[in-house]
C-alpha cells in the first residue's frame, strides 16, 4: 500500500517535511509497518496543527480492503509568548509620556491588546490626559508598539507624581500568549520651584509697630510653613 503526507492546517515545508512511500506487508497476522515524518521545530507561537497521512493504491492477492485510509496527526504547539509594558520617568515639561509594549516571541497571525490609564498621585485632567486605545502586533519576535499620554505642564511646585497604565483584553486567537507585565508606572518629575522672601521696611519710631511682608513667588501644592524671629541689628530687643 502507498502512503503520502497531506496538509491539514500544518503546511509542508513549513511545519513538516512532505513524504511518501510504499509499505510492504509479508502477510503475517497483526503485522505493523511504520511511517516516519519529520516535524519542523520552530519558535513561533501557533495553534495546534493537523498533518494528514493518506493510504492508497492497495495491492493484495486476496480480499483486503482499506478500513481507514487517512490518519490525523496533531502537532502540539510547545511555544509561548508574552507582552510586557515598561515603566517610564519623564519631566513634566516634556509634554508627552511615551510607553513601549514589547512582544517577546513570534506569534502566528499576531495579537492585539488594549490599554487604559489609572490615577495614582497624578490626576487625569489635571496632570495628564489620554485616550484609551488598542495595540495591534503583527506577531514578530521582539516587536514593539508605542503610545503616548499627554502631560499637563503647570507652574505649581509639587512632589513627583505617578499614574498607571494597564494592559488588558489580550486577544491571541487561542494561542499561548500571556501578559508578563501588564502594568506600567509613569512618574512625572516636577520641574517647578518656588521661593520665600521677606521685604525690608522703614518705619517711624512713633508708629508703634513694624509690619513685615513675606512673599511666596509660586504656587506650592499643600502649602509651606516658615518660622520667623527677631534679631538685634543696631536696635536692641527690650
Protein backbone atom coordinates (compact mmCIF):
# COMPACT_ATOMS: atom_id res chain seq x y z
CA UNK A 1 0.00 0.00 0.00
CA UNK A 2 1.26 3.51 -0.79
CA UNK A 3 1.26 6.40 1.65
CA UNK A 4 1.70 10.14 1.28
CA UNK A 5 1.58 13.17 3.53
CA UNK A 6 -1.00 15.92 3.04
CA UNK A 7 -1.57 19.33 4.55
CA UNK A 8 -4.29 19.79 7.13
CA UNK A 9 -3.68 23.04 8.96
CA UNK A 10 0.04 22.15 9.01
CA UNK A 11 1.91 23.15 5.86
CA UNK A 12 4.55 21.03 4.14
CA UNK A 13 7.92 22.77 4.06
CA UNK A 14 6.93 24.97 7.00
CA UNK A 15 5.62 22.65 9.70
CA UNK A 16 6.81 19.28 8.40
CA UNK A 17 8.73 17.67 5.56
CA UNK A 18 6.48 16.15 2.92
CA UNK A 19 6.97 12.45 2.27
CA UNK A 20 5.59 9.40 0.54
CA UNK A 21 6.43 5.74 0.17
CA UNK A 22 5.22 2.18 -0.07
CA UNK A 23 4.62 -0.22 2.81
CA UNK A 24 5.21 -3.90 2.10
CA UNK A 25 3.43 -6.40 4.36
CA UNK A 26 4.54 -10.05 4.30
CA UNK A 27 1.03 -11.15 5.25
CA UNK A 28 1.63 -12.50 8.78
CA UNK A 29 -1.10 -11.89 11.39
CA UNK A 30 -1.19 -8.49 13.15
CA UNK A 31 1.77 -7.20 11.21
CA UNK A 32 2.72 -3.50 11.53
CA UNK A 33 4.77 -1.11 9.47
CA UNK A 34 5.82 2.41 10.48
CA UNK A 35 5.79 5.75 8.69
CA UNK A 36 8.18 8.49 9.84
CA UNK A 37 7.55 12.15 9.06
CA UNK A 38 9.99 14.89 10.09
CA UNK A 39 8.34 17.66 12.13
CA UNK A 40 9.82 21.17 11.98
CA UNK A 41 10.53 22.61 15.43
CA UNK A 42 10.21 26.41 15.32
CA UNK A 43 9.81 29.09 17.97
CA UNK A 44 6.58 30.54 16.57
CA UNK A 45 3.60 30.55 18.90
CA UNK A 46 0.74 28.99 16.99
CA UNK A 47 -2.31 26.80 17.38
CA UNK A 48 -2.04 23.02 17.33
CA UNK A 49 -1.83 21.93 13.68
CA UNK A 50 -3.06 18.92 11.72
CA UNK A 51 -0.95 16.74 9.43
CA UNK A 52 -2.64 14.03 7.34
CA UNK A 53 -1.34 10.65 6.12
CA UNK A 54 -3.27 9.08 3.26
CA UNK A 55 -3.14 5.44 2.18
CA UNK A 56 -3.82 4.49 -1.45
CA UNK A 57 -3.09 2.04 -4.25
CA UNK A 58 -3.65 -1.11 -2.24
CA UNK A 59 -2.35 -4.22 -3.99
CA UNK A 60 -3.26 -7.60 -2.50
CA UNK A 61 -3.82 -11.14 -3.77
CA UNK A 62 -6.93 -11.74 -1.66
CA UNK A 63 -9.89 -9.89 -0.12
CA UNK A 64 -8.06 -6.98 1.55
CA UNK A 65 -9.61 -3.53 1.92
CA UNK A 66 -8.59 -0.16 3.34
CA UNK A 67 -10.69 0.09 6.50
CA UNK A 68 -9.25 3.53 7.25
CA UNK A 69 -7.43 5.43 4.53
CA UNK A 70 -6.46 8.55 6.46
CA UNK A 71 -4.68 9.21 9.75
CA UNK A 72 -4.70 12.56 11.51
CA UNK A 73 -1.59 13.73 13.36
CA UNK A 74 -1.95 16.67 15.76
CA UNK A 75 1.25 18.67 16.12
CA UNK A 76 1.02 20.30 19.53
CA UNK A 77 2.47 23.80 19.89
CA UNK A 78 5.16 23.94 22.58
CA UNK A 79 6.00 27.64 22.32
CA UNK A 80 4.71 30.61 24.29
CA UNK A 81 4.99 34.39 24.13
CA UNK A 82 4.28 37.31 26.40
CA UNK A 83 3.65 41.03 26.28
CA UNK A 84 5.18 43.48 28.73
CA UNK A 85 4.99 47.24 29.27
CA UNK A 86 7.89 49.28 30.66
CA UNK A 87 7.81 51.93 33.39
CA UNK A 88 8.95 55.42 32.45
CA UNK A 89 10.14 58.58 34.20
CA UNK A 90 9.58 61.89 32.44
CA UNK A 91 9.82 65.61 33.21
CA UNK A 92 6.53 67.46 33.43
CA UNK A 93 7.72 69.91 30.79
CA UNK A 94 8.31 67.13 28.23
CA UNK A 95 4.65 67.35 27.22
CA UNK A 96 4.27 63.63 26.49
CA UNK A 97 5.00 60.31 28.16
CA UNK A 98 5.79 57.55 25.64
CA UNK A 99 5.13 53.98 26.75
CA UNK A 100 6.52 50.89 25.00
CA UNK A 101 4.91 47.45 24.87
CA UNK A 102 7.07 44.51 23.72
CA UNK A 103 6.15 41.10 22.28
CA UNK A 104 8.99 38.70 23.13
CA UNK A 105 8.34 35.86 20.65
CA UNK A 106 6.86 35.44 17.19
CA UNK A 107 3.12 34.73 17.18
CA UNK A 108 1.30 33.38 14.15
CA UNK A 109 -1.35 35.85 12.90
CA UNK A 110 -0.35 38.41 15.56
CA UNK A 111 -2.07 39.62 18.74
CA UNK A 112 -3.96 42.67 19.97
CA UNK A 113 -4.12 44.21 23.43
CA UNK A 114 -5.96 47.20 24.89
CA UNK A 115 -4.61 49.71 27.39
CA UNK A 116 -6.26 52.04 29.87
CA UNK A 117 -4.94 54.64 32.32
CA UNK A 118 -5.47 54.90 36.08
CA UNK A 119 -4.78 57.74 38.52
CA UNK A 120 -2.07 57.31 41.11
CA UNK A 121 -0.98 60.53 42.83
CA UNK A 122 -1.33 62.23 39.43
CA UNK A 123 -4.88 63.09 38.41
CA UNK A 124 -6.47 62.76 34.98
CA UNK A 125 -7.37 66.18 33.57
CA UNK A 126 -5.03 67.97 36.00
CA UNK A 127 -1.67 66.31 35.47
CA UNK A 128 -2.23 64.26 32.29
CA UNK A 129 -4.80 63.39 29.63
CA UNK A 130 -5.10 60.26 27.48
CA UNK A 131 -7.45 58.35 25.22
CA UNK A 132 -7.68 54.58 25.66
CA UNK A 133 -6.64 52.63 22.60
CA UNK A 134 -5.73 49.23 21.10
CA UNK A 135 -2.31 48.00 20.05
CA UNK A 136 -2.06 45.64 17.05
CA UNK A 137 1.01 43.41 16.80
CA UNK A 138 1.86 41.71 13.51
CA UNK A 139 3.43 38.87 15.51
CA UNK A 140 7.17 39.38 15.03
CA UNK A 141 9.65 38.38 17.75
CA UNK A 142 10.81 41.45 19.68
CA UNK A 143 8.14 43.63 18.09
CA UNK A 144 7.34 46.85 19.96
CA UNK A 145 4.43 49.27 19.91
CA UNK A 146 4.40 52.74 21.42
CA UNK A 147 1.64 55.04 22.58
CA UNK A 148 1.65 58.44 24.28
CA UNK A 149 -0.02 60.10 27.24
CA UNK A 150 -0.17 63.90 27.19
CA UNK A 151 1.28 65.70 30.23
CA UNK A 152 -0.14 68.97 31.51
CA UNK A 153 2.65 71.38 32.44
CA UNK A 154 1.69 73.73 35.27
CA UNK A 155 3.67 76.11 37.48
CA UNK A 156 2.71 74.52 40.79
CA UNK A 157 5.61 73.28 42.89
CA UNK A 158 4.74 69.70 43.86
CA UNK A 159 6.14 66.26 44.57
CA UNK A 160 6.80 63.84 41.73
CA UNK A 161 3.53 62.19 40.78
CA UNK A 162 2.60 58.86 39.27
CA UNK A 163 -0.14 57.42 37.10
CA UNK A 164 -0.64 53.86 35.93
CA UNK A 165 -1.21 52.26 32.53
CA UNK A 166 -2.79 48.79 32.47
CA UNK A 167 -2.81 46.28 29.61
CA UNK A 168 -5.96 44.18 29.29
CA UNK A 169 -8.21 42.33 26.84
CA UNK A 170 -5.38 40.38 25.20
CA UNK A 171 -6.60 38.70 22.00
CA UNK A 172 -4.37 35.92 20.65
CA UNK A 173 -6.88 33.60 18.98
CA UNK A 174 -6.35 30.79 21.46
CA UNK A 175 -2.55 30.78 21.18
CA UNK A 176 -0.33 30.62 24.26
CA UNK A 177 0.30 34.33 24.81
CA UNK A 178 0.22 35.95 28.25
CA UNK A 179 0.74 39.34 29.88
CA UNK A 180 4.10 39.04 31.64
CA UNK A 181 3.94 42.63 32.90
CA UNK A 182 0.53 44.20 32.49
CA UNK A 183 1.06 47.45 34.41
CA UNK A 184 3.45 50.36 33.91
CA UNK A 185 4.08 53.29 36.22
CA UNK A 186 4.51 56.72 34.69
CA UNK A 187 6.47 59.00 37.02
CA UNK A 188 6.10 62.73 36.36
CA UNK A 189 9.02 64.75 37.71
CA UNK A 190 8.11 68.29 38.77
CA UNK A 191 10.24 70.98 37.12
CA UNK A 192 8.94 73.99 39.06
CA UNK A 193 10.45 75.84 42.04
CA UNK A 194 9.36 78.49 44.47
CA UNK A 195 10.99 80.81 46.96
CA UNK A 196 10.09 82.86 50.00
CA UNK A 197 11.40 86.37 50.55
CA UNK A 198 10.92 89.00 53.24
CA UNK A 199 11.00 92.68 52.38
CA UNK A 200 12.93 95.43 54.13
CA UNK A 201 10.91 98.29 55.63
CA UNK A 202 11.49 101.70 57.11
CA UNK A 203 9.22 102.84 59.93
CA UNK A 204 8.99 105.80 62.30
CA UNK A 205 9.74 105.06 65.90
CA UNK A 206 6.39 106.58 66.83
CA UNK A 207 4.43 104.09 64.69
CA UNK A 208 4.44 101.55 67.47
CA UNK A 209 4.71 98.51 65.18
CA UNK A 210 6.78 97.35 62.23
CA UNK A 211 4.87 95.17 59.75
CA UNK A 212 6.94 92.89 57.54
CA UNK A 213 5.69 91.09 54.45
CA UNK A 214 6.83 87.58 53.43
CA UNK A 215 6.06 86.57 49.84
CA UNK A 216 5.77 83.14 48.18
CA UNK A 217 6.50 83.64 44.48
CA UNK A 218 4.92 80.45 43.05
CA UNK A 219 2.05 78.12 43.89
CA UNK A 220 3.10 75.20 46.12
CA UNK A 221 0.98 72.08 46.49
CA UNK A 222 -0.16 71.67 50.11
CA UNK A 223 1.45 74.98 51.09
CA UNK A 224 4.59 75.71 53.10
CA UNK A 225 5.45 76.93 56.59
CA UNK A 226 8.37 79.01 57.78
CA UNK A 227 9.40 80.30 61.21
CA UNK A 228 10.44 83.86 61.97
CA UNK A 229 12.30 85.54 64.77
CA UNK A 230 13.64 89.00 65.50
CA UNK A 231 17.31 89.67 65.98
CA UNK A 232 19.31 92.71 67.03
CA UNK A 233 20.91 94.83 64.39
CA UNK A 234 21.84 98.20 65.83
CA UNK A 235 18.42 98.14 67.54
CA UNK A 236 18.33 96.25 70.83
CA UNK A 237 15.45 93.95 71.87
CA UNK A 238 13.73 95.21 75.03
